[in-house]
């Protein structure tokens, strides 16, 4: 699965693991695209980040994408019931 992010100005690629977690957690592609474009970005370092967003219609908030930013925006996995962490 691939599309382009206006926010990050690069193509977005979902790993097979990320796609499997979307199916398992019933998170549609449209919601993942909205998460990428409008969610809060929490940077671990220059390349690694989490993108999180609450979706009021879901009872398992926060939804989170673990992302690696290179020439592409690679979504490694999609999580739910995520809790914010402090990044040093």
N, C-alpha and C. Protein backbone atom coordinates (compact mmCIF):
# COMPACT_ATOMS: atom_id res chain seq x y z
N UNK A 1 0.85 -1.18 0.00
CA UNK A 1 0.00 0.00 0.00
C UNK A 1 0.89 1.24 0.00
N UNK A 2 0.58 2.16 -0.88
CA UNK A 2 1.39 3.37 -0.98
C UNK A 2 0.52 4.53 -1.44
N UNK A 3 0.77 5.69 -0.86
CA UNK A 3 0.16 6.94 -1.30
C UNK A 3 1.15 8.04 -0.95
N UNK A 4 0.82 9.29 -1.21
CA UNK A 4 1.73 10.39 -0.95
C UNK A 4 1.17 11.29 0.15
N UNK A 5 2.04 11.73 1.04
CA UNK A 5 1.65 12.61 2.13
C UNK A 5 1.96 14.06 1.77
N UNK A 6 0.94 14.90 1.80
CA UNK A 6 1.15 16.34 1.58
C UNK A 6 1.91 16.93 2.76
N UNK A 7 1.61 16.46 3.95
CA UNK A 7 2.25 16.97 5.16
C UNK A 7 3.75 16.72 5.18
N UNK A 8 4.15 15.49 4.87
CA UNK A 8 5.56 15.11 4.95
C UNK A 8 6.27 15.20 3.60
N UNK A 9 5.51 15.52 2.54
CA UNK A 9 6.06 15.72 1.20
C UNK A 9 6.89 14.54 0.73
N UNK A 10 6.33 13.34 0.89
CA UNK A 10 6.98 12.13 0.43
C UNK A 10 5.97 10.99 0.36
N UNK A 11 6.28 9.97 -0.41
CA UNK A 11 5.38 8.81 -0.47
C UNK A 11 5.31 8.11 0.89
N UNK A 12 4.16 7.52 1.17
CA UNK A 12 3.93 6.74 2.39
C UNK A 12 3.82 5.28 1.98
N UNK A 13 4.54 4.43 2.70
CA UNK A 13 4.51 2.99 2.44
C UNK A 13 4.15 2.29 3.74
N UNK A 14 3.17 1.40 3.68
CA UNK A 14 2.80 0.57 4.83
C UNK A 14 3.48 -0.78 4.69
N UNK A 15 4.20 -1.19 5.73
CA UNK A 15 4.82 -2.51 5.71
C UNK A 15 3.72 -3.57 5.78
N UNK A 16 4.09 -4.80 5.46
CA UNK A 16 3.12 -5.90 5.58
C UNK A 16 2.66 -6.04 7.02
N UNK A 17 3.59 -5.84 7.96
CA UNK A 17 3.23 -5.89 9.38
C UNK A 17 2.20 -4.81 9.71
N UNK A 18 2.45 -3.59 9.23
CA UNK A 18 1.51 -2.49 9.46
C UNK A 18 0.13 -2.79 8.87
N UNK A 19 0.10 -3.34 7.67
CA UNK A 19 -1.16 -3.70 7.03
C UNK A 19 -1.90 -4.76 7.84
N UNK A 20 -1.15 -5.73 8.34
CA UNK A 20 -1.77 -6.79 9.14
C UNK A 20 -2.36 -6.23 10.43
N UNK A 21 -1.67 -5.29 11.07
CA UNK A 21 -2.18 -4.69 12.30
C UNK A 21 -3.42 -3.84 12.03
N UNK A 22 -3.47 -3.18 10.86
CA UNK A 22 -4.67 -2.42 10.48
C UNK A 22 -5.87 -3.34 10.40
N UNK A 23 -5.70 -4.48 9.75
CA UNK A 23 -6.80 -5.44 9.60
C UNK A 23 -7.19 -5.98 10.98
N UNK A 24 -6.21 -6.40 11.75
CA UNK A 24 -6.45 -6.97 13.07
C UNK A 24 -7.20 -6.00 13.98
N UNK A 25 -6.86 -4.72 13.88
CA UNK A 25 -7.43 -3.70 14.77
C UNK A 25 -8.57 -2.93 14.13
N UNK A 26 -8.97 -3.35 12.94
CA UNK A 26 -10.08 -2.73 12.21
C UNK A 26 -9.90 -1.22 12.06
N UNK A 27 -8.71 -0.86 11.58
CA UNK A 27 -8.38 0.55 11.33
C UNK A 27 -8.28 0.71 9.81
N UNK A 28 -9.25 1.40 9.20
CA UNK A 28 -9.26 1.52 7.73
C UNK A 28 -8.15 2.44 7.22
N UNK A 29 -7.81 2.24 5.96
CA UNK A 29 -6.76 3.04 5.32
C UNK A 29 -7.05 4.54 5.41
N UNK A 30 -8.31 4.93 5.24
CA UNK A 30 -8.68 6.34 5.32
C UNK A 30 -8.32 6.92 6.69
N UNK A 31 -8.50 6.16 7.76
CA UNK A 31 -8.15 6.62 9.10
C UNK A 31 -6.63 6.73 9.26
N UNK A 32 -5.89 5.80 8.69
CA UNK A 32 -4.43 5.88 8.75
C UNK A 32 -3.94 7.10 7.99
N UNK A 33 -4.51 7.37 6.83
CA UNK A 33 -4.13 8.55 6.05
C UNK A 33 -4.42 9.82 6.84
N UNK A 34 -5.58 9.89 7.50
CA UNK A 34 -5.93 11.05 8.34
C UNK A 34 -4.95 11.17 9.50
N UNK A 35 -4.61 10.05 10.11
CA UNK A 35 -3.64 10.03 11.20
C UNK A 35 -2.31 10.63 10.75
N UNK A 36 -1.81 10.18 9.61
CA UNK A 36 -0.52 10.67 9.08
C UNK A 36 -0.58 12.17 8.81
N UNK A 37 -1.68 12.64 8.22
CA UNK A 37 -1.77 14.05 7.82
C UNK A 37 -2.07 15.00 8.97
N UNK A 38 -2.80 14.54 9.99
CA UNK A 38 -3.28 15.49 11.01
C UNK A 38 -2.92 15.11 12.45
N UNK A 39 -2.30 13.94 12.66
CA UNK A 39 -1.97 13.52 14.02
C UNK A 39 -0.78 14.27 14.59
N UNK A 40 -0.59 14.15 15.89
CA UNK A 40 0.55 14.75 16.58
C UNK A 40 1.79 13.92 16.32
N UNK A 41 2.86 14.56 15.86
CA UNK A 41 4.12 13.87 15.59
C UNK A 41 5.03 14.00 16.81
N UNK A 42 5.47 12.86 17.31
CA UNK A 42 6.39 12.82 18.45
C UNK A 42 7.68 12.20 17.94
N UNK A 43 8.73 12.99 17.86
CA UNK A 43 9.99 12.53 17.29
C UNK A 43 10.85 11.84 18.35
N UNK A 44 11.30 10.65 18.02
CA UNK A 44 12.27 9.94 18.86
C UNK A 44 13.67 10.45 18.52
N UNK A 45 13.92 10.62 17.24
CA UNK A 45 15.16 11.19 16.74
C UNK A 45 14.87 11.76 15.35
N UNK A 46 15.88 12.03 14.56
CA UNK A 46 15.67 12.65 13.25
C UNK A 46 14.87 11.78 12.29
N UNK A 47 14.95 10.46 12.44
CA UNK A 47 14.31 9.55 11.49
C UNK A 47 13.10 8.81 12.03
N UNK A 48 13.02 8.63 13.33
CA UNK A 48 11.97 7.80 13.93
C UNK A 48 10.96 8.66 14.67
N UNK A 49 9.69 8.36 14.46
CA UNK A 49 8.66 9.11 15.16
C UNK A 49 7.41 8.27 15.32
N UNK A 50 6.57 8.73 16.23
CA UNK A 50 5.24 8.19 16.41
C UNK A 50 4.28 9.28 15.97
N UNK A 51 3.23 8.91 15.30
CA UNK A 51 2.18 9.86 14.94
C UNK A 51 0.91 9.35 15.62
N UNK A 52 0.31 10.20 16.46
CA UNK A 52 -0.83 9.76 17.27
C UNK A 52 -2.02 10.69 17.10
N UNK A 53 -3.20 10.10 17.25
CA UNK A 53 -4.42 10.89 17.17
C UNK A 53 -5.55 10.14 17.84
N UNK A 54 -6.41 10.88 18.52
CA UNK A 54 -7.62 10.32 19.10
C UNK A 54 -8.74 10.40 18.06
N UNK A 55 -9.46 9.31 17.91
CA UNK A 55 -10.62 9.26 17.03
C UNK A 55 -11.82 8.99 17.93
N UNK A 56 -12.66 10.01 18.18
CA UNK A 56 -13.76 9.88 19.15
C UNK A 56 -14.70 8.71 18.89
N UNK A 57 -14.81 8.30 17.63
CA UNK A 57 -15.72 7.20 17.31
C UNK A 57 -15.16 5.83 17.71
N UNK A 58 -13.91 5.80 18.15
CA UNK A 58 -13.29 4.54 18.56
C UNK A 58 -13.13 4.49 20.08
N UNK A 59 -13.31 3.33 20.64
CA UNK A 59 -13.16 3.18 22.09
C UNK A 59 -11.74 2.79 22.48
N UNK A 60 -10.86 2.59 21.48
CA UNK A 60 -9.50 2.14 21.76
C UNK A 60 -8.45 3.21 21.43
N UNK A 61 -8.74 4.44 21.81
CA UNK A 61 -7.81 5.53 21.54
C UNK A 61 -6.62 5.43 22.47
N UNK A 62 -5.53 5.99 22.16
CA UNK A 62 -5.07 6.70 20.98
C UNK A 62 -4.63 5.73 19.89
N UNK A 63 -4.82 6.13 18.62
CA UNK A 63 -4.31 5.36 17.49
C UNK A 63 -2.93 5.93 17.17
N UNK A 64 -1.96 5.06 16.90
CA UNK A 64 -0.58 5.48 16.71
C UNK A 64 0.06 4.74 15.55
N UNK A 65 0.84 5.47 14.76
CA UNK A 65 1.66 4.87 13.71
C UNK A 65 3.12 5.04 14.11
N UNK A 66 3.87 3.94 14.12
CA UNK A 66 5.32 3.99 14.31
C UNK A 66 5.93 4.14 12.92
N UNK A 67 6.71 5.22 12.74
CA UNK A 67 7.13 5.63 11.41
C UNK A 67 8.64 5.83 11.34
N UNK A 68 9.22 5.48 10.19
CA UNK A 68 10.60 5.81 9.87
C UNK A 68 10.55 6.75 8.68
N UNK A 69 11.21 7.91 8.82
CA UNK A 69 11.18 8.92 7.76
C UNK A 69 12.52 8.93 7.03
N UNK A 70 12.47 8.52 5.77
CA UNK A 70 13.65 8.54 4.90
C UNK A 70 13.21 9.22 3.61
N UNK A 71 13.57 8.66 2.46
CA UNK A 71 13.03 9.17 1.19
C UNK A 71 11.54 8.90 1.12
N UNK A 72 11.13 7.87 1.84
CA UNK A 72 9.73 7.49 1.99
C UNK A 72 9.35 7.67 3.45
N UNK A 73 8.07 7.72 3.71
CA UNK A 73 7.56 7.66 5.08
C UNK A 73 7.10 6.22 5.27
N UNK A 74 7.86 5.43 6.00
CA UNK A 74 7.58 4.01 6.16
C UNK A 74 6.81 3.79 7.46
N UNK A 75 5.58 3.32 7.35
CA UNK A 75 4.75 3.02 8.51
C UNK A 75 5.02 1.57 8.89
N UNK A 76 5.75 1.39 10.01
CA UNK A 76 6.15 0.05 10.43
C UNK A 76 5.00 -0.72 11.07
N UNK A 77 4.21 -0.03 11.89
CA UNK A 77 3.08 -0.69 12.53
C UNK A 77 2.04 0.34 12.92
N UNK A 78 0.84 -0.14 13.20
CA UNK A 78 -0.27 0.68 13.67
C UNK A 78 -0.71 0.11 15.01
N UNK A 79 -0.78 0.97 16.01
CA UNK A 79 -1.14 0.53 17.36
C UNK A 79 -2.42 1.22 17.81
N UNK A 80 -3.05 0.65 18.82
CA UNK A 80 -4.21 1.28 19.45
C UNK A 80 -4.00 1.22 20.96
N UNK A 81 -4.83 1.96 21.71
CA UNK A 81 -4.66 2.07 23.16
C UNK A 81 -3.25 2.54 23.50
N UNK A 82 -2.69 3.38 22.66
CA UNK A 82 -1.32 3.85 22.84
C UNK A 82 -1.29 4.90 23.94
N UNK A 83 -0.21 4.94 24.69
CA UNK A 83 -0.02 5.94 25.71
C UNK A 83 1.23 6.74 25.39
N UNK A 84 1.11 8.04 25.56
CA UNK A 84 2.25 8.92 25.26
C UNK A 84 3.41 8.60 26.19
N UNK A 85 4.61 8.71 25.63
CA UNK A 85 5.82 8.51 26.41
C UNK A 85 6.68 9.76 26.29
N UNK A 86 7.46 10.00 27.30
CA UNK A 86 8.39 11.12 27.25
C UNK A 86 9.64 10.66 26.51
N UNK A 87 10.05 11.43 25.52
CA UNK A 87 11.25 11.11 24.76
C UNK A 87 12.35 12.02 25.23
N UNK A 88 13.47 11.45 25.68
CA UNK A 88 14.59 12.29 26.18
C UNK A 88 15.21 13.14 25.11
